Amino acid sequence: MNPITEEIITETRRHYDIRRAAASKRYFRETIETWGLPIPKCKEIAKRFYPMVKGKLPLAIEVTGELHSQTIIELPIIGD
């Protein structure tokens, strides 16, 4: 896995919110894995890491693909 992807996952995990995660799990009919981050926090994390991949298309595609392959619902949002 790319070190940038690992850094994004680590940063996202730091903001785990057990109450929000539980509420999100109750909201969806299907079983989901979530760390309970609100969308504004996901966007904040994405904005912080964007300069690392800006102008580097192959790297951006790699990181985005790795984030989209994760089962945690917030990670693909950050990858978009």
C-alpha atoms as a PDB file:
ATOM      1  CA  MET A   1       0.000   0.000   0.000  1.00  0.00           C
ATOM      2  CA  ASN A   2       1.195   3.488  -0.822  1.00  0.00           C
ATOM      3  CA  PRO A   3       2.568   5.451   2.185  1.00  0.00           C
ATOM      4  CA  ILE A   4       0.204   8.350   1.426  1.00  0.00           C
ATOM      5  CA  THR A   5      -2.769   5.984   1.578  1.00  0.00           C
ATOM      6  CA  GLU A   6      -1.504   4.602   4.887  1.00  0.00           C
ATOM      7  CA  GLU A   7      -1.135   8.148   6.218  1.00  0.00           C
ATOM      8  CA  ILE A   8      -4.686   9.031   5.160  1.00  0.00           C
ATOM      9  CA  ILE A   9      -6.061   5.909   6.836  1.00  0.00           C
ATOM     10  CA  THR A  10      -4.124   6.637  10.031  1.00  0.00           C
ATOM     11  CA  GLU A  11      -5.319  10.248  10.096  1.00  0.00           C
ATOM     12  CA  THR A  12      -8.914   9.198   9.459  1.00  0.00           C
ATOM     13  CA  ARG A  13      -8.789   6.561  12.195  1.00  0.00           C
ATOM     14  CA  ARG A  14      -7.616   9.233  14.685  1.00  0.00           C
ATOM     15  CA  HIS A  15     -11.020  10.905  14.362  1.00  0.00           C
ATOM     16  CA  TYR A  16     -13.035   7.754  15.153  1.00  0.00           C
ATOM     17  CA  ASP A  17     -16.313   8.662  16.863  1.00  0.00           C
ATOM     18  CA  ILE A  18     -17.971   5.673  18.498  1.00  0.00           C
ATOM     19  CA  ARG A  19     -21.350   7.393  18.923  1.00  0.00           C
ATOM     20  CA  ARG A  20     -21.541   8.587  15.320  1.00  0.00           C
ATOM     21  CA  ALA A  21     -20.378   5.187  14.084  1.00  0.00           C
ATOM     22  CA  ALA A  22     -23.120   3.446  16.056  1.00  0.00           C
ATOM     23  CA  ALA A  23     -25.745   5.883  14.760  1.00  0.00           C
ATOM     24  CA  SER A  24     -24.588   5.373  11.161  1.00  0.00           C
ATOM     25  CA  LYS A  25     -24.712   1.613  11.545  1.00  0.00           C
ATOM     26  CA  ARG A  26     -28.316   1.846  12.776  1.00  0.00           C
ATOM     27  CA  TYR A  27     -29.264   4.136   9.882  1.00  0.00           C
ATOM     28  CA  PHE A  28     -28.227   1.778   7.071  1.00  0.00           C
ATOM     29  CA  ARG A  29     -30.207  -1.388   6.397  1.00  0.00           C
ATOM     30  CA  GLU A  30     -27.128  -3.285   5.252  1.00  0.00           C
ATOM     31  CA  THR A  31     -24.114  -3.863   7.459  1.00  0.00           C
ATOM     32  CA  ILE A  32     -21.479  -1.160   7.041  1.00  0.00           C
ATOM     33  CA  GLU A  33     -18.088  -0.442   8.535  1.00  0.00           C
ATOM     34  CA  THR A  34     -17.689   3.157   9.626  1.00  0.00           C
ATOM     35  CA  TRP A  35     -15.523   5.277  11.877  1.00  0.00           C
ATOM     36  CA  GLY A  36     -18.273   7.858  12.331  1.00  0.00           C
ATOM     37  CA  LEU A  37     -16.615  10.837  10.672  1.00  0.00           C
ATOM     38  CA  PRO A  38     -18.877  13.643   9.481  1.00  0.00           C
ATOM     39  CA  ILE A  39     -18.538  14.651   5.824  1.00  0.00           C
ATOM     40  CA  PRO A  40     -16.911  18.018   6.667  1.00  0.00           C
ATOM     41  CA  LYS A  41     -14.130  16.168   8.520  1.00  0.00           C
ATOM     42  CA  CYS A  42     -13.651  13.833   5.523  1.00  0.00           C
ATOM     43  CA  LYS A  43     -13.361  16.862   3.243  1.00  0.00           C
ATOM     44  CA  GLU A  44     -10.879  18.493   5.627  1.00  0.00           C
ATOM     45  CA  ILE A  45      -8.672  15.386   5.558  1.00  0.00           C
ATOM     46  CA  ALA A  46      -8.915  15.182   1.753  1.00  0.00           C
ATOM     47  CA  LYS A  47      -7.971  18.852   1.419  1.00  0.00           C
ATOM     48  CA  ARG A  48      -4.921  18.339   3.614  1.00  0.00           C
ATOM     49  CA  PHE A  49      -3.607  15.428   1.554  1.00  0.00           C
ATOM     50  CA  TYR A  50      -4.535  16.738  -1.914  1.00  0.00           C
ATOM     51  CA  PRO A  51      -1.292  18.727  -2.378  1.00  0.00           C
ATOM     52  CA  MET A  52       0.669  15.458  -2.069  1.00  0.00           C
ATOM     53  CA  VAL A  53      -0.935  14.044  -5.238  1.00  0.00           C
ATOM     54  CA  LYS A  54      -1.752  17.229  -7.169  1.00  0.00           C
ATOM     55  CA  GLY A  55      -0.215  17.125 -10.633  1.00  0.00           C
ATOM     56  CA  LYS A  56       0.858  13.479 -10.198  1.00  0.00           C
ATOM     57  CA  LEU A  57      -1.882  11.583 -12.014  1.00  0.00           C
ATOM     58  CA  PRO A  58      -0.487   8.029 -11.634  1.00  0.00           C
ATOM     59  CA  LEU A  59       0.006   8.583  -7.890  1.00  0.00           C
ATOM     60  CA  ALA A  60      -3.447  10.143  -7.512  1.00  0.00           C
ATOM     61  CA  ILE A  61      -5.050   7.182  -9.303  1.00  0.00           C
ATOM     62  CA  GLU A  62      -3.139   4.727  -7.121  1.00  0.00           C
ATOM     63  CA  VAL A  63      -4.108   6.421  -3.856  1.00  0.00           C
ATOM     64  CA  THR A  64      -7.738   6.849  -4.939  1.00  0.00           C
ATOM     65  CA  GLY A  65      -7.950   3.191  -5.972  1.00  0.00           C
ATOM     66  CA  GLU A  66      -6.513   2.041  -2.661  1.00  0.00           C
ATOM     67  CA  LEU A  67      -8.949   4.205  -0.693  1.00  0.00           C
ATOM     68  CA  HIS A  68     -11.880   2.933  -2.750  1.00  0.00           C
ATOM     69  CA  SER A  69     -10.864  -0.668  -2.066  1.00  0.00           C
ATOM     70  CA  GLN A  70     -11.209  -0.174   1.699  1.00  0.00           C
ATOM     71  CA  THR A  71     -14.349  -1.306   3.517  1.00  0.00           C
ATOM     72  CA  ILE A  72     -14.586   1.719   5.825  1.00  0.00           C
ATOM     73  CA  ILE A  73     -17.285   3.955   4.341  1.00  0.00           C
ATOM     74  CA  GLU A  74     -15.437   7.252   4.922  1.00  0.00           C
ATOM     75  CA  LEU A  75     -12.275   6.330   2.999  1.00  0.00           C
ATOM     76  CA  PRO A  76     -13.757   6.340  -0.519  1.00  0.00           C
ATOM     77  CA  ILE A  77     -15.322   9.725   0.304  1.00  0.00           C
ATOM     78  CA  ILE A  78     -11.860  11.081   1.110  1.00  0.00           C
ATOM     79  CA  GLY A  79     -10.510   9.468  -2.068  1.00  0.00           C
ATOM     80  CA  ASP A  80     -13.005  11.290  -4.234  1.00  0.00           C
END
